[in-house]
Amino acid sequence: DCPEKEGAGGRRRNLALLKSKLYMGERRRTEPVVESTTSAGDHSTLRRSQSDRTEYSQKLQEKMAPQTVSSTPATLPEEDKEEISRRMMAKRVKIITELMQTEKDYISDLDLCIKEVIQPLRNKQIARFDVDGLFSNIESVHQVSAKLLSLLEEATTDVEPPMQIIGEVFLQIKGPLEDTYKIYCYRHDDAHTMLESYEKDEELKQHLRHCVQSLK
């Protein structure tokens, strides 16, 4: 009687089937192992030679130099150009510092979650409580995040701001980041559903509440 509703229902069933196929295909993949250490050869890509860093610094300064509009006959005085370049460099330094501080805070949160929630729940060995299913591969997320922070610190410690090559850090670790978060994201819906079911069980809910209190 209502073909529009029937069509919508069919589309929902097709989407559910497609999601199921994608999910099962991802489950069959082997989970990546994120190495906690990086070989000296990998690190050397971040420690460029002085000539390479000088060239990089020159290109960076050119990109950050104020651009004059061709339709405007007047040009900025040299001291004004230098001031604008200094401001842009200071802004870049601030962004890098904020990026690293955010990563440190994130790792600190993950540390608390693992130590105050995941490990105690594992130690209790509670029946009907799937700790690994609930928290997925969060320990791998912690590991790859710590590696990212380590590489960022290496690229910036004792290195002058114009010589800090940040982009290469993300290019170097983008594979492990993608592999790790792909698994975490694919399992997120299942973990959320699992958490909702645990919160309906008074005994399991009590264990979760105790962990939250420990975090506070």
Protein backbone atom coordinates (compact mmCIF):
# COMPACT_ATOMS: atom_id res chain seq x y z
CA ASP A 1 0.00 0.00 0.00
CA CYS A 2 2.97 2.33 0.70
CA PRO A 3 5.71 1.76 -1.88
CA GLU A 4 7.74 4.68 -0.45
CA LYS A 5 8.00 2.95 2.95
CA GLU A 6 8.79 -0.37 1.32
CA GLY A 7 11.56 1.23 -0.75
CA ALA A 8 13.04 2.89 2.33
CA GLY A 9 12.99 -0.43 4.16
CA GLY A 10 14.75 -2.13 1.28
CA ARG A 11 17.44 0.54 1.23
CA ARG A 12 17.99 0.11 4.97
CA ARG A 13 18.33 -3.66 4.53
CA ASN A 14 20.82 -3.17 1.68
CA LEU A 15 22.88 -0.72 3.76
CA ALA A 16 22.86 -3.10 6.72
CA LEU A 17 23.99 -5.97 4.47
CA LEU A 18 26.77 -3.84 2.96
CA LYS A 19 27.96 -2.75 6.41
CA SER A 20 27.97 -6.36 7.56
CA LYS A 21 30.08 -7.46 4.60
CA LEU A 22 32.58 -4.64 5.11
CA TYR A 23 32.75 -5.39 8.83
CA MET A 24 33.32 -9.11 8.37
CA GLY A 25 35.94 -8.45 5.71
CA GLU A 26 37.82 -6.20 8.12
CA ARG A 27 37.54 -8.80 10.94
CA ARG A 28 39.30 -11.35 8.76
CA ARG A 29 42.32 -9.12 8.37
CA THR A 30 45.26 -9.69 10.63
CA GLU A 31 45.70 -6.97 13.18
CA PRO A 32 48.85 -4.94 12.60
CA VAL A 33 51.60 -4.97 15.15
CA VAL A 34 52.82 -1.46 15.86
CA GLU A 35 56.48 -1.62 16.67
CA SER A 36 57.47 0.23 19.78
CA THR A 37 60.87 1.10 18.40
CA THR A 38 62.08 2.51 15.13
CA SER A 39 65.33 1.56 13.52
CA ALA A 40 68.18 3.99 13.34
CA GLY A 41 67.70 4.16 9.59
CA ASP A 42 64.14 5.42 10.03
CA HIS A 43 65.22 8.02 12.56
CA SER A 44 67.91 9.28 10.23
CA THR A 45 65.25 10.57 7.85
CA LEU A 46 64.31 13.14 10.50
CA ARG A 47 67.87 14.16 11.23
CA ARG A 48 68.69 15.85 7.96
CA SER A 49 72.14 17.10 7.04
CA GLN A 50 72.87 20.75 7.68
CA SER A 51 72.75 21.59 3.96
CA ASP A 52 69.34 19.92 3.60
CA ARG A 53 68.00 21.77 6.61
CA THR A 54 69.38 25.08 5.34
CA GLU A 55 67.64 24.53 2.01
CA TYR A 56 64.43 23.59 3.82
CA SER A 57 64.67 26.71 6.00
CA GLN A 58 65.11 28.94 2.95
CA LYS A 59 62.07 27.44 1.24
CA LEU A 60 60.05 27.82 4.44
CA GLN A 61 61.03 31.46 4.77
CA GLU A 62 60.02 32.06 1.14
CA LYS A 63 56.60 30.50 1.74
CA MET A 64 56.11 32.58 4.88
CA ALA A 65 57.24 35.82 3.27
CA PRO A 66 54.39 38.32 2.78
CA GLN A 67 53.05 38.33 -0.76
CA THR A 68 52.58 41.69 -2.49
CA VAL A 69 49.52 42.17 -4.66
CA SER A 70 50.49 42.92 -8.25
CA SER A 71 47.75 45.55 -8.61
CA THR A 72 49.23 47.56 -5.74
CA PRO A 73 52.17 49.71 -6.84
CA ALA A 74 53.53 50.28 -3.34
CA THR A 75 55.58 47.57 -1.64
CA LEU A 76 56.04 46.92 2.05
CA PRO A 77 59.21 48.24 3.69
CA GLU A 78 61.81 45.57 4.34
CA GLU A 79 61.42 45.84 8.12
CA ASP A 80 57.66 45.27 7.80
CA LYS A 81 58.26 42.14 5.73
CA GLU A 82 60.65 40.82 8.34
CA GLU A 83 58.15 41.54 11.12
CA ILE A 84 55.40 39.66 9.27
CA SER A 85 57.76 36.71 8.69
CA ARG A 86 58.65 36.67 12.40
CA ARG A 87 54.98 36.66 13.35
CA MET A 88 54.23 33.81 10.98
CA MET A 89 57.17 31.80 12.30
CA ALA A 90 56.04 32.45 15.88
CA LYS A 91 52.56 31.23 14.93
CA ARG A 92 54.05 28.08 13.39
CA VAL A 93 56.04 27.40 16.57
CA LYS A 94 52.89 27.88 18.65
CA ILE A 95 50.94 25.42 16.50
CA ILE A 96 53.67 22.77 16.77
CA THR A 97 53.87 23.26 20.55
CA GLU A 98 50.08 22.97 20.88
CA LEU A 99 50.10 19.84 18.71
CA MET A 100 52.66 18.16 20.94
CA GLN A 101 50.91 19.21 24.16
CA THR A 102 47.61 17.84 22.86
CA GLU A 103 49.30 14.53 22.06
CA LYS A 104 50.83 14.41 25.55
CA ASP A 105 47.42 15.01 27.16
CA TYR A 106 45.85 12.33 24.96
CA ILE A 107 48.51 9.77 25.93
CA SER A 108 48.03 10.68 29.60
CA ASP A 109 44.29 9.97 29.27
CA LEU A 110 44.99 6.64 27.59
CA ASP A 111 47.45 5.77 30.37
CA LEU A 112 44.77 6.39 32.99
CA CYS A 113 42.19 4.37 31.09
CA ILE A 114 44.52 1.38 30.74
CA LYS A 115 45.81 1.47 34.34
CA GLU A 116 42.61 2.40 36.19
CA VAL A 117 39.96 0.69 34.05
CA ILE A 118 41.20 -1.98 31.64
CA GLN A 119 43.82 -3.70 33.82
CA PRO A 120 41.63 -3.85 36.97
CA LEU A 121 38.72 -5.27 34.96
CA ARG A 122 41.01 -7.89 33.44
CA ASN A 123 42.38 -8.82 36.85
CA LYS A 124 38.87 -9.35 38.24
CA GLN A 125 38.08 -11.81 35.42
CA ILE A 126 34.40 -10.99 35.60
CA ALA A 127 32.09 -13.49 33.91
CA ARG A 128 30.06 -12.06 31.02
CA PHE A 129 32.41 -9.07 30.78
CA ASP A 130 34.39 -8.92 27.52
CA VAL A 131 37.11 -6.38 28.34
CA ASP A 132 38.92 -6.71 24.99
CA GLY A 133 35.66 -6.45 23.09
CA LEU A 134 34.67 -3.31 24.99
CA PHE A 135 37.99 -1.51 24.66
CA SER A 136 39.04 -2.93 21.29
CA ASN A 137 42.71 -2.27 20.42
CA ILE A 138 43.05 0.80 22.62
CA GLU A 139 46.47 -0.37 23.84
CA SER A 140 47.72 -0.33 20.25
CA VAL A 141 46.26 3.18 19.92
CA HIS A 142 48.28 4.16 22.99
CA GLN A 143 51.41 2.60 21.53
CA VAL A 144 51.20 4.30 18.14
CA SER A 145 50.32 7.64 19.77
CA ALA A 146 53.39 7.39 22.01
CA LYS A 147 55.52 6.68 18.94
CA LEU A 148 54.08 9.76 17.18
CA LEU A 149 54.93 11.95 20.17
CA SER A 150 58.43 10.48 20.34
CA LEU A 151 59.05 11.31 16.67
CA LEU A 152 57.69 14.84 17.10
CA GLU A 153 59.97 15.41 20.07
CA GLU A 154 62.95 14.11 18.12
CA ALA A 155 62.16 16.42 15.20
CA THR A 156 61.94 19.51 17.44
CA THR A 157 64.37 18.99 20.34
CA ASP A 158 67.55 21.08 19.95
CA VAL A 159 66.43 22.05 16.43
CA GLU A 160 65.89 25.69 15.47
CA PRO A 161 62.25 26.45 14.50
CA PRO A 162 63.00 27.10 10.81
CA MET A 163 64.78 23.73 10.64
CA GLN A 164 61.99 21.67 12.24
CA ILE A 165 60.62 19.25 9.64
CA ILE A 166 57.23 18.21 11.00
CA GLY A 167 55.49 16.93 7.89
CA GLU A 168 57.90 14.02 7.49
CA VAL A 169 56.94 12.75 10.96
CA PHE A 170 53.35 12.21 9.84
CA LEU A 171 54.42 10.72 6.52
CA GLN A 172 56.67 8.29 8.37
CA ILE A 173 53.97 7.06 10.76
CA LYS A 174 50.84 7.40 8.63
CA GLY A 175 50.75 3.65 7.85
CA PRO A 176 50.67 2.46 11.50
CA LEU A 177 48.24 5.26 12.39
CA GLU A 178 45.84 4.29 9.64
CA ASP A 179 46.04 0.55 10.36
CA THR A 180 45.53 1.03 14.09
CA TYR A 181 42.65 3.49 13.95
CA LYS A 182 40.95 1.56 11.16
CA ILE A 183 40.48 -1.38 13.54
CA TYR A 184 39.41 0.88 16.42
CA CYS A 185 36.81 2.68 14.31
CA TYR A 186 35.38 -0.52 12.78
CA ARG A 187 34.85 -1.97 16.26
CA HIS A 188 33.49 1.20 17.80
CA ASP A 189 29.81 0.48 17.10
CA ASP A 190 30.09 -3.02 18.56
CA ALA A 191 31.82 -1.67 21.67
CA HIS A 192 29.12 0.98 22.11
CA THR A 193 26.37 -1.65 21.84
CA MET A 194 28.24 -3.84 24.33
CA LEU A 195 28.56 -0.95 26.79
CA GLU A 196 24.83 -0.23 26.59
CA SER A 197 24.06 -3.87 27.42
CA TYR A 198 26.50 -3.84 30.37
CA GLU A 199 24.88 -0.71 31.79
CA LYS A 200 21.56 -2.59 31.96
CA ASP A 201 23.18 -5.25 34.16
CA GLU A 202 23.39 -3.89 37.72
CA GLU A 203 26.38 -6.03 38.70
CA LEU A 204 28.44 -5.11 35.64
CA LYS A 205 27.33 -1.49 35.91
CA GLN A 206 28.69 -1.42 39.46
CA HIS A 207 32.14 -2.53 38.24
CA LEU A 208 32.15 0.21 35.61
CA ARG A 209 31.05 2.81 38.16
CA HIS A 210 33.91 1.78 40.46
CA CYS A 211 36.41 2.29 37.60
CA VAL A 212 35.00 5.72 36.85
CA GLN A 213 35.42 6.69 40.48
CA SER A 214 39.05 5.56 40.34
CA LEU A 215 39.60 7.81 37.33
CA LYS A 216 38.11 10.78 39.15
